[in-house]
Amino acid sequence: MATQGDTIKTVRTGNKNPQHKEGPVASAIEEQTAKLPSDLFLWLGIGSMVASAAFQIAGQKKVSNFIGHWPVNFLVLGLYNKLVKLEGHD
């Protein structure tokens, strides 16, 4: 049974559990998205913030709120993209 010390050691050293592997769909997606520049997700997030603000100023509150939920998703996708590039996939 793994102890907390083992878990911390695994996280620090980057040792991966060979029993846990990515499926073929996840591997294919990671392979394709790793080709995208990380800046893309940052600019998509910033662009959607600007678009949301523009719709808010224009008085279209519902559209503004809809688009205002996008930046978080783009930034999380950017983090995932960066992790795949740095750590690789199985």
N, C-alpha and C. Protein backbone atom coordinates (compact mmCIF):
# COMPACT_ATOMS: atom_id res chain seq x y z
N MET A 1 0.84 -1.17 0.00
CA MET A 1 0.00 0.00 0.00
C MET A 1 0.88 1.23 0.00
N ALA A 2 0.54 2.21 -0.85
CA ALA A 2 1.34 3.43 -0.96
C ALA A 2 1.09 4.34 0.23
N THR A 3 2.16 4.91 0.72
CA THR A 3 2.05 5.86 1.82
C THR A 3 2.07 7.28 1.27
N GLN A 4 1.82 8.23 2.16
CA GLN A 4 1.84 9.63 1.73
C GLN A 4 3.24 10.01 1.25
N GLY A 5 4.26 9.48 1.89
CA GLY A 5 5.63 9.74 1.47
C GLY A 5 5.90 9.25 0.06
N ASP A 6 5.35 8.08 -0.27
CA ASP A 6 5.51 7.55 -1.62
C ASP A 6 4.84 8.45 -2.64
N THR A 7 3.65 8.95 -2.28
CA THR A 7 2.91 9.83 -3.18
C THR A 7 3.69 11.12 -3.42
N ILE A 8 4.22 11.70 -2.36
CA ILE A 8 4.99 12.94 -2.49
C ILE A 8 6.24 12.69 -3.33
N LYS A 9 6.92 11.56 -3.09
CA LYS A 9 8.11 11.21 -3.87
C LYS A 9 7.77 11.06 -5.34
N THR A 10 6.64 10.42 -5.64
CA THR A 10 6.22 10.23 -7.03
C THR A 10 5.94 11.57 -7.69
N VAL A 11 5.28 12.47 -6.99
CA VAL A 11 4.97 13.79 -7.55
C VAL A 11 6.25 14.56 -7.80
N ARG A 12 7.19 14.52 -6.87
CA ARG A 12 8.42 15.29 -7.01
C ARG A 12 9.33 14.74 -8.11
N THR A 13 9.40 13.44 -8.21
CA THR A 13 10.32 12.84 -9.18
C THR A 13 9.68 12.62 -10.54
N GLY A 14 8.35 12.70 -10.61
CA GLY A 14 7.67 12.52 -11.88
C GLY A 14 7.51 11.07 -12.29
N ASN A 15 7.75 10.14 -11.37
CA ASN A 15 7.55 8.73 -11.70
C ASN A 15 6.07 8.48 -11.97
N LYS A 16 5.79 7.79 -13.03
CA LYS A 16 4.40 7.53 -13.40
C LYS A 16 4.05 6.09 -13.07
N ASN A 17 2.80 5.90 -12.73
CA ASN A 17 2.31 4.57 -12.43
C ASN A 17 2.06 3.85 -13.75
N PRO A 18 2.75 2.74 -14.00
CA PRO A 18 2.59 2.05 -15.28
C PRO A 18 1.20 1.43 -15.44
N GLN A 19 0.44 1.31 -14.37
CA GLN A 19 -0.89 0.74 -14.47
C GLN A 19 -1.90 1.73 -15.03
N HIS A 20 -1.58 3.02 -15.00
CA HIS A 20 -2.51 4.05 -15.45
C HIS A 20 -2.02 4.59 -16.79
N LYS A 21 -2.71 4.24 -17.84
CA LYS A 21 -2.33 4.69 -19.18
C LYS A 21 -3.50 5.41 -19.81
N GLU A 22 -3.18 6.33 -20.72
CA GLU A 22 -4.21 7.06 -21.45
C GLU A 22 -4.82 6.15 -22.50
N GLY A 23 -6.07 6.40 -22.79
CA GLY A 23 -6.74 5.67 -23.85
C GLY A 23 -6.33 6.20 -25.21
N PRO A 24 -6.72 5.53 -26.28
CA PRO A 24 -6.31 5.95 -27.62
C PRO A 24 -6.90 7.30 -28.02
N VAL A 25 -8.10 7.62 -27.56
CA VAL A 25 -8.71 8.91 -27.91
C VAL A 25 -7.95 10.04 -27.24
N ALA A 26 -7.67 9.91 -25.94
CA ALA A 26 -6.94 10.95 -25.21
C ALA A 26 -5.54 11.14 -25.79
N SER A 27 -4.88 10.06 -26.13
CA SER A 27 -3.54 10.16 -26.71
C SER A 27 -3.57 10.88 -28.05
N ALA A 28 -4.58 10.59 -28.87
CA ALA A 28 -4.69 11.25 -30.17
C ALA A 28 -4.97 12.74 -30.01
N ILE A 29 -5.84 13.09 -29.08
CA ILE A 29 -6.14 14.50 -28.84
C ILE A 29 -4.91 15.23 -28.33
N GLU A 30 -4.21 14.64 -27.37
CA GLU A 30 -3.00 15.26 -26.82
C GLU A 30 -1.94 15.44 -27.89
N GLU A 31 -1.81 14.47 -28.76
CA GLU A 31 -0.80 14.56 -29.83
C GLU A 31 -1.10 15.73 -30.76
N GLN A 32 -2.37 15.94 -31.08
CA GLN A 32 -2.74 17.03 -31.99
C GLN A 32 -2.69 18.39 -31.30
N THR A 33 -3.20 18.48 -30.06
CA THR A 33 -3.22 19.77 -29.39
C THR A 33 -1.83 20.23 -28.96
N ALA A 34 -0.89 19.29 -28.80
CA ALA A 34 0.48 19.68 -28.45
C ALA A 34 1.14 20.46 -29.58
N LYS A 35 0.59 20.36 -30.78
CA LYS A 35 1.14 21.10 -31.92
C LYS A 35 0.74 22.57 -31.90
N LEU A 36 -0.30 22.90 -31.12
CA LEU A 36 -0.78 24.28 -31.06
C LEU A 36 0.12 25.11 -30.14
N PRO A 37 0.39 26.36 -30.50
CA PRO A 37 1.19 27.21 -29.60
C PRO A 37 0.39 27.55 -28.35
N SER A 38 1.06 27.62 -27.22
CA SER A 38 0.39 27.93 -25.96
C SER A 38 -0.20 29.33 -25.96
N ASP A 39 0.40 30.23 -26.72
CA ASP A 39 -0.11 31.61 -26.80
C ASP A 39 -1.54 31.65 -27.34
N LEU A 40 -1.88 30.70 -28.18
CA LEU A 40 -3.21 30.69 -28.80
C LEU A 40 -4.30 30.71 -27.74
N PHE A 41 -4.17 29.89 -26.72
CA PHE A 41 -5.20 29.81 -25.69
C PHE A 41 -5.25 31.10 -24.87
N LEU A 42 -4.09 31.70 -24.62
CA LEU A 42 -4.06 32.98 -23.90
C LEU A 42 -4.78 34.06 -24.69
N TRP A 43 -4.50 34.14 -25.98
CA TRP A 43 -5.14 35.16 -26.82
C TRP A 43 -6.64 34.90 -27.01
N LEU A 44 -7.02 33.63 -27.06
CA LEU A 44 -8.45 33.33 -27.13
C LEU A 44 -9.16 33.77 -25.85
N GLY A 45 -8.52 33.56 -24.72
CA GLY A 45 -9.09 33.99 -23.45
C GLY A 45 -9.22 35.50 -23.37
N ILE A 46 -8.17 36.20 -23.75
CA ILE A 46 -8.19 37.67 -23.73
C ILE A 46 -9.21 38.20 -24.74
N GLY A 47 -9.24 37.60 -25.92
CA GLY A 47 -10.19 38.03 -26.94
C GLY A 47 -11.63 37.85 -26.51
N SER A 48 -11.92 36.75 -25.82
CA SER A 48 -13.29 36.55 -25.36
C SER A 48 -13.65 37.51 -24.23
N MET A 49 -12.68 37.92 -23.43
CA MET A 49 -12.94 38.95 -22.41
C MET A 49 -13.28 40.28 -23.07
N VAL A 50 -12.51 40.63 -24.09
CA VAL A 50 -12.77 41.88 -24.82
C VAL A 50 -14.13 41.83 -25.51
N ALA A 51 -14.44 40.71 -26.13
CA ALA A 51 -15.73 40.57 -26.80
C ALA A 51 -16.88 40.66 -25.80
N SER A 52 -16.71 40.04 -24.64
CA SER A 52 -17.74 40.11 -23.61
C SER A 52 -17.94 41.54 -23.14
N ALA A 53 -16.85 42.26 -22.93
CA ALA A 53 -16.95 43.66 -22.51
C ALA A 53 -17.63 44.50 -23.59
N ALA A 54 -17.32 44.23 -24.85
CA ALA A 54 -17.93 44.99 -25.94
C ALA A 54 -19.44 44.75 -25.99
N PHE A 55 -19.86 43.50 -25.83
CA PHE A 55 -21.29 43.21 -25.82
C PHE A 55 -21.97 43.83 -24.60
N GLN A 56 -21.27 43.86 -23.48
CA GLN A 56 -21.82 44.48 -22.27
C GLN A 56 -22.05 45.97 -22.50
N ILE A 57 -21.07 46.64 -23.09
CA ILE A 57 -21.18 48.06 -23.39
C ILE A 57 -22.30 48.32 -24.40
N ALA A 58 -22.45 47.40 -25.35
CA ALA A 58 -23.49 47.54 -26.38
C ALA A 58 -24.88 47.23 -25.84
N GLY A 59 -24.97 46.78 -24.59
CA GLY A 59 -26.26 46.53 -24.00
C GLY A 59 -26.81 45.13 -24.20
N GLN A 60 -26.02 44.25 -24.79
CA GLN A 60 -26.46 42.87 -25.01
C GLN A 60 -25.94 42.01 -23.87
N LYS A 61 -26.63 42.09 -22.74
CA LYS A 61 -26.17 41.47 -21.50
C LYS A 61 -26.13 39.94 -21.57
N LYS A 62 -27.13 39.32 -22.19
CA LYS A 62 -27.15 37.85 -22.26
C LYS A 62 -26.00 37.31 -23.09
N VAL A 63 -25.74 37.93 -24.22
CA VAL A 63 -24.62 37.51 -25.06
C VAL A 63 -23.31 37.74 -24.32
N SER A 64 -23.22 38.88 -23.64
CA SER A 64 -22.01 39.20 -22.87
C SER A 64 -21.76 38.16 -21.79
N ASN A 65 -22.79 37.76 -21.08
CA ASN A 65 -22.63 36.74 -20.03
C ASN A 65 -22.24 35.39 -20.64
N PHE A 66 -22.82 35.05 -21.79
CA PHE A 66 -22.48 33.80 -22.45
C PHE A 66 -21.00 33.77 -22.84
N ILE A 67 -20.56 34.81 -23.49
CA ILE A 67 -19.16 34.87 -23.93
C ILE A 67 -18.23 35.05 -22.73
N GLY A 68 -18.72 35.68 -21.68
CA GLY A 68 -17.91 35.89 -20.48
C GLY A 68 -17.52 34.61 -19.76
N HIS A 69 -18.16 33.51 -20.07
CA HIS A 69 -17.80 32.22 -19.47
C HIS A 69 -16.68 31.51 -20.24
N TRP A 70 -16.34 31.97 -21.40
CA TRP A 70 -15.33 31.31 -22.23
C TRP A 70 -13.89 31.45 -21.74
N PRO A 71 -13.46 32.61 -21.21
CA PRO A 71 -12.03 32.74 -20.88
C PRO A 71 -11.50 31.66 -19.96
N VAL A 72 -12.26 31.30 -18.95
CA VAL A 72 -11.79 30.26 -18.01
C VAL A 72 -11.52 28.96 -18.75
N ASN A 73 -12.42 28.60 -19.65
CA ASN A 73 -12.24 27.36 -20.40
C ASN A 73 -11.01 27.42 -21.29
N PHE A 74 -10.81 28.53 -21.97
CA PHE A 74 -9.63 28.66 -22.83
C PHE A 74 -8.35 28.60 -22.01
N LEU A 75 -8.33 29.25 -20.85
CA LEU A 75 -7.12 29.26 -20.03
C LEU A 75 -6.84 27.88 -19.43
N VAL A 76 -7.87 27.14 -19.05
CA VAL A 76 -7.67 25.78 -18.56
C VAL A 76 -7.15 24.88 -19.68
N LEU A 77 -7.70 25.04 -20.88
CA LEU A 77 -7.19 24.27 -22.02
C LEU A 77 -5.73 24.62 -22.29
N GLY A 78 -5.37 25.90 -22.12
CA GLY A 78 -3.98 26.31 -22.29
C GLY A 78 -3.07 25.65 -21.26
N LEU A 79 -3.53 25.56 -20.01
CA LEU A 79 -2.75 24.87 -18.99
C LEU A 79 -2.57 23.40 -19.32
N TYR A 80 -3.64 22.78 -19.76
CA TYR A 80 -3.57 21.36 -20.14
C TYR A 80 -2.58 21.18 -21.30
N ASN A 81 -2.67 22.07 -22.27
CA ASN A 81 -1.77 22.02 -23.43
C ASN A 81 -0.32 22.14 -22.98
N LYS A 82 -0.06 23.06 -22.05
CA LYS A 82 1.30 23.27 -21.57
C LYS A 82 1.80 22.04 -20.81
N LEU A 83 0.93 21.45 -19.99
CA LEU A 83 1.33 20.24 -19.25
C LEU A 83 1.66 19.09 -20.20
N VAL A 84 0.87 18.92 -21.22
CA VAL A 84 1.13 17.86 -22.19
C VAL A 84 2.47 18.10 -22.88
N LYS A 85 2.76 19.36 -23.19
CA LYS A 85 4.04 19.66 -23.84
C LYS A 85 5.21 19.42 -22.91
N LEU A 86 5.07 19.78 -21.63
CA LEU A 86 6.18 19.64 -20.69
C LEU A 86 6.35 18.21 -20.21
N GLU A 87 5.27 17.56 -19.86
CA GLU A 87 5.34 16.23 -19.27
C GLU A 87 5.16 15.11 -20.29
N GLY A 88 4.58 15.44 -21.43
CA GLY A 88 4.31 14.41 -22.43
C GLY A 88 3.09 13.61 -22.05
N HIS A 89 2.74 12.68 -22.89
CA HIS A 89 1.63 11.79 -22.60
C HIS A 89 2.15 10.37 -22.61
N ASP A 90 1.31 9.46 -22.12
CA ASP A 90 1.74 8.05 -22.02
C ASP A 90 2.02 7.44 -23.37
